[in-house]
N, C-alpha and C. Protein backbone atom coordinates (compact mmCIF):
# COMPACT_ATOMS: atom_id res chain seq x y z
N MET A 1 116.26 69.64 125.06
CA MET A 1 115.01 70.05 125.65
C MET A 1 115.15 71.52 126.05
N GLU A 2 114.10 72.29 125.79
CA GLU A 2 114.09 73.71 126.14
C GLU A 2 113.08 73.95 127.25
N LEU A 3 113.51 74.65 128.29
CA LEU A 3 112.66 74.94 129.45
C LEU A 3 112.56 76.44 129.64
N LEU A 4 111.54 76.87 130.37
CA LEU A 4 111.32 78.28 130.63
C LEU A 4 111.69 78.59 132.08
N LEU A 5 112.59 79.55 132.27
CA LEU A 5 112.95 79.97 133.61
C LEU A 5 111.82 80.83 134.19
N ALA A 6 111.75 80.90 135.50
CA ALA A 6 110.70 81.67 136.17
C ALA A 6 110.80 83.14 135.79
N ARG A 7 109.65 83.78 135.68
CA ARG A 7 109.59 85.20 135.37
C ARG A 7 110.02 86.01 136.59
N GLU A 8 110.69 87.12 136.33
CA GLU A 8 111.05 88.02 137.42
C GLU A 8 109.92 89.00 137.71
N GLU A 9 109.12 89.31 136.72
CA GLU A 9 107.93 90.16 136.87
C GLU A 9 106.76 89.42 136.23
N LEU A 10 105.57 89.57 136.78
CA LEU A 10 104.41 88.83 136.28
C LEU A 10 104.11 89.11 134.82
N LYS A 11 104.37 90.32 134.35
CA LYS A 11 104.04 90.69 132.98
C LYS A 11 105.15 90.35 131.98
N ASP A 12 106.33 89.96 132.47
CA ASP A 12 107.45 89.60 131.60
C ASP A 12 107.22 88.25 130.95
N LYS A 13 107.89 88.04 129.83
CA LYS A 13 107.90 86.71 129.22
C LYS A 13 109.03 85.91 129.86
N PRO A 14 108.82 84.62 130.07
CA PRO A 14 109.89 83.80 130.67
C PRO A 14 111.05 83.61 129.70
N LYS A 15 112.26 83.55 130.24
CA LYS A 15 113.45 83.31 129.43
C LYS A 15 113.63 81.81 129.24
N LYS A 16 114.20 81.43 128.10
CA LYS A 16 114.39 80.02 127.77
C LYS A 16 115.80 79.58 128.13
N ILE A 17 115.91 78.30 128.50
CA ILE A 17 117.21 77.69 128.80
C ILE A 17 117.19 76.26 128.28
N GLN A 18 118.30 75.82 127.75
CA GLN A 18 118.44 74.45 127.23
C GLN A 18 118.88 73.52 128.36
N LEU A 19 118.49 72.27 128.27
CA LEU A 19 118.89 71.26 129.25
C LEU A 19 120.41 71.18 129.35
N GLU A 20 121.10 71.28 128.23
CA GLU A 20 122.56 71.22 128.22
C GLU A 20 123.18 72.35 129.04
N LYS A 21 122.57 73.52 129.01
CA LYS A 21 123.05 74.67 129.78
C LYS A 21 122.86 74.41 131.29
N VAL A 22 121.73 73.82 131.67
CA VAL A 22 121.48 73.47 133.06
C VAL A 22 122.53 72.47 133.53
N GLN A 23 122.78 71.44 132.72
CA GLN A 23 123.77 70.42 133.07
C GLN A 23 125.17 71.02 133.17
N ALA A 24 125.52 71.95 132.27
CA ALA A 24 126.83 72.58 132.30
C ALA A 24 127.01 73.43 133.56
N GLU A 25 125.98 74.17 133.96
CA GLU A 25 126.07 74.98 135.18
C GLU A 25 126.24 74.09 136.40
N LEU A 26 125.53 72.97 136.44
CA LEU A 26 125.65 72.06 137.57
C LEU A 26 127.01 71.39 137.61
N LYS A 27 127.57 71.08 136.46
CA LYS A 27 128.89 70.47 136.41
C LYS A 27 129.94 71.46 136.92
N GLU A 28 129.75 72.74 136.59
CA GLU A 28 130.69 73.78 137.00
C GLU A 28 130.56 74.11 138.49
N LEU A 29 129.32 74.26 138.97
CA LEU A 29 129.09 74.71 140.35
C LEU A 29 128.93 73.59 141.36
N GLY A 30 128.49 72.43 140.91
CA GLY A 30 128.29 71.31 141.81
C GLY A 30 126.88 71.23 142.37
N GLU A 31 126.28 72.38 142.66
CA GLU A 31 124.90 72.41 143.12
C GLU A 31 124.30 73.77 142.79
N LYS A 32 123.00 73.79 142.58
CA LYS A 32 122.32 75.04 142.27
C LYS A 32 120.81 74.83 142.41
N ILE A 33 120.11 75.92 142.70
CA ILE A 33 118.66 75.90 142.73
C ILE A 33 118.17 76.65 141.51
N PHE A 34 117.32 76.00 140.73
CA PHE A 34 116.72 76.61 139.54
C PHE A 34 115.24 76.82 139.80
N TYR A 35 114.71 77.92 139.30
CA TYR A 35 113.27 78.19 139.37
C TYR A 35 112.74 78.25 137.94
N PHE A 36 111.71 77.45 137.68
CA PHE A 36 111.14 77.35 136.34
C PHE A 36 109.71 77.86 136.33
N ASP A 37 109.30 78.36 135.19
CA ASP A 37 107.98 78.97 135.02
C ASP A 37 106.87 77.92 135.03
N ARG A 38 105.69 78.35 135.39
CA ARG A 38 104.53 77.46 135.44
C ARG A 38 104.09 77.01 134.06
N ASP A 39 104.54 77.69 132.99
CA ASP A 39 104.17 77.31 131.63
C ASP A 39 104.88 76.05 131.15
N ASN A 40 105.88 75.59 131.88
CA ASN A 40 106.51 74.30 131.55
C ASN A 40 105.53 73.19 131.89
N SER A 41 105.52 72.16 131.06
CA SER A 41 104.63 71.04 131.37
C SER A 41 105.25 70.19 132.48
N HIS A 42 104.39 69.56 133.25
CA HIS A 42 104.86 68.69 134.33
C HIS A 42 105.70 67.54 133.75
N LYS A 43 105.33 67.09 132.58
CA LYS A 43 106.07 66.02 131.90
C LYS A 43 107.50 66.46 131.59
N ASP A 44 107.67 67.71 131.10
CA ASP A 44 109.01 68.23 130.83
C ASP A 44 109.83 68.37 132.11
N MET A 45 109.18 68.77 133.18
CA MET A 45 109.89 68.93 134.44
C MET A 45 110.35 67.57 134.96
N MET A 46 109.53 66.54 134.82
CA MET A 46 109.92 65.20 135.25
C MET A 46 111.05 64.66 134.36
N ALA A 47 111.04 65.02 133.07
CA ALA A 47 112.13 64.63 132.17
C ALA A 47 113.43 65.30 132.60
N LEU A 48 113.36 66.56 133.05
CA LEU A 48 114.54 67.26 133.56
C LEU A 48 115.08 66.56 134.80
N VAL A 49 114.21 66.23 135.72
CA VAL A 49 114.62 65.54 136.95
C VAL A 49 115.28 64.21 136.61
N ASP A 50 114.68 63.45 135.69
CA ASP A 50 115.26 62.16 135.28
C ASP A 50 116.63 62.35 134.65
N ALA A 51 116.77 63.35 133.79
CA ALA A 51 118.05 63.60 133.12
C ALA A 51 119.13 63.96 134.14
N LEU A 52 118.79 64.78 135.11
CA LEU A 52 119.78 65.18 136.13
C LEU A 52 120.13 64.00 137.05
N GLU A 53 119.14 63.18 137.38
CA GLU A 53 119.43 62.00 138.19
C GLU A 53 120.28 61.00 137.43
N ASN A 54 120.09 60.89 136.12
CA ASN A 54 120.93 60.02 135.30
C ASN A 54 122.37 60.51 135.23
N ASP A 55 122.57 61.82 135.47
CA ASP A 55 123.92 62.38 135.53
C ASP A 55 124.57 62.14 136.89
N GLY A 56 123.85 61.47 137.80
CA GLY A 56 124.40 61.15 139.11
C GLY A 56 124.14 62.21 140.17
N LEU A 57 123.22 63.13 139.90
CA LEU A 57 122.90 64.19 140.85
C LEU A 57 121.70 63.82 141.71
N ASN A 58 121.66 64.34 142.93
CA ASN A 58 120.47 64.23 143.77
C ASN A 58 119.60 65.43 143.48
N VAL A 59 118.31 65.21 143.23
CA VAL A 59 117.42 66.28 142.80
C VAL A 59 116.20 66.34 143.71
N ASN A 60 115.90 67.56 144.17
CA ASN A 60 114.68 67.81 144.93
C ASN A 60 113.80 68.70 144.06
N PHE A 61 112.59 68.25 143.76
CA PHE A 61 111.66 68.96 142.88
C PHE A 61 110.38 69.26 143.64
N ARG A 62 109.89 70.50 143.51
CA ARG A 62 108.61 70.82 144.15
C ARG A 62 107.97 72.02 143.46
N GLU A 63 106.66 72.15 143.67
CA GLU A 63 105.91 73.32 143.23
C GLU A 63 105.92 74.32 144.37
N VAL A 64 106.20 75.57 144.06
CA VAL A 64 106.20 76.62 145.06
C VAL A 64 105.02 77.54 144.77
N ARG A 65 104.11 77.64 145.71
CA ARG A 65 102.94 78.53 145.57
C ARG A 65 103.28 79.87 146.21
N TYR A 66 103.04 80.95 145.48
CA TYR A 66 103.32 82.28 146.01
C TYR A 66 102.08 83.14 146.13
N GLY A 67 100.92 82.55 145.93
CA GLY A 67 99.65 83.26 146.07
C GLY A 67 98.52 82.27 146.25
N LEU A 68 97.32 82.78 146.33
CA LEU A 68 96.16 81.92 146.54
C LEU A 68 95.54 81.40 145.25
N GLY A 69 95.85 82.03 144.12
CA GLY A 69 95.26 81.63 142.85
C GLY A 69 95.84 80.33 142.32
N ASP A 70 95.06 79.67 141.46
CA ASP A 70 95.51 78.40 140.87
C ASP A 70 96.73 78.58 139.97
N GLU A 71 96.89 79.75 139.37
CA GLU A 71 97.99 80.00 138.44
C GLU A 71 99.19 80.67 139.11
N GLU A 72 99.22 80.74 140.41
CA GLU A 72 100.28 81.42 141.13
C GLU A 72 101.24 80.42 141.76
N TYR A 73 102.04 79.80 140.90
CA TYR A 73 103.04 78.85 141.36
C TYR A 73 104.19 78.82 140.37
N LEU A 74 105.30 78.23 140.79
CA LEU A 74 106.44 77.97 139.93
C LEU A 74 107.08 76.67 140.39
N TYR A 75 108.01 76.19 139.60
CA TYR A 75 108.70 74.94 139.94
C TYR A 75 110.09 75.25 140.47
N GLU A 76 110.47 74.54 141.53
CA GLU A 76 111.81 74.67 142.10
C GLU A 76 112.54 73.34 141.92
N VAL A 77 113.74 73.41 141.38
CA VAL A 77 114.58 72.21 141.22
C VAL A 77 115.91 72.51 141.89
N HIS A 78 116.19 71.75 142.95
CA HIS A 78 117.46 71.89 143.68
C HIS A 78 118.27 70.64 143.37
N ALA A 79 119.38 70.84 142.68
CA ALA A 79 120.20 69.70 142.28
C ALA A 79 121.59 69.81 142.94
N LEU A 80 122.06 68.68 143.47
CA LEU A 80 123.41 68.62 144.02
C LEU A 80 123.99 67.24 143.87
C-alpha cells in the first residue's frame, strides 16, 4: 500500500511512502508519529491502522485541523 506523507508547504506535492517502510521504521524505533496528507482516502488510513495493530502495535489515529476551511486538515498516526 502506498500512502502520501503530509506536505511541508501548501503548494508542494506530498511525498509517497510504502506501508513496508512505515512498518520498518516502527520496528527500528519502537514508536513514531506520522503525519499523512489529506489526499489519502479514509479507507486507506483505516487499512494502515489495521495493519499496524495486526503487527502488535498500539495506534492512535486522528484528523488534525490546522485552519477553518474544510480542506485544511491532515491525518496523525501515533504508533507504539
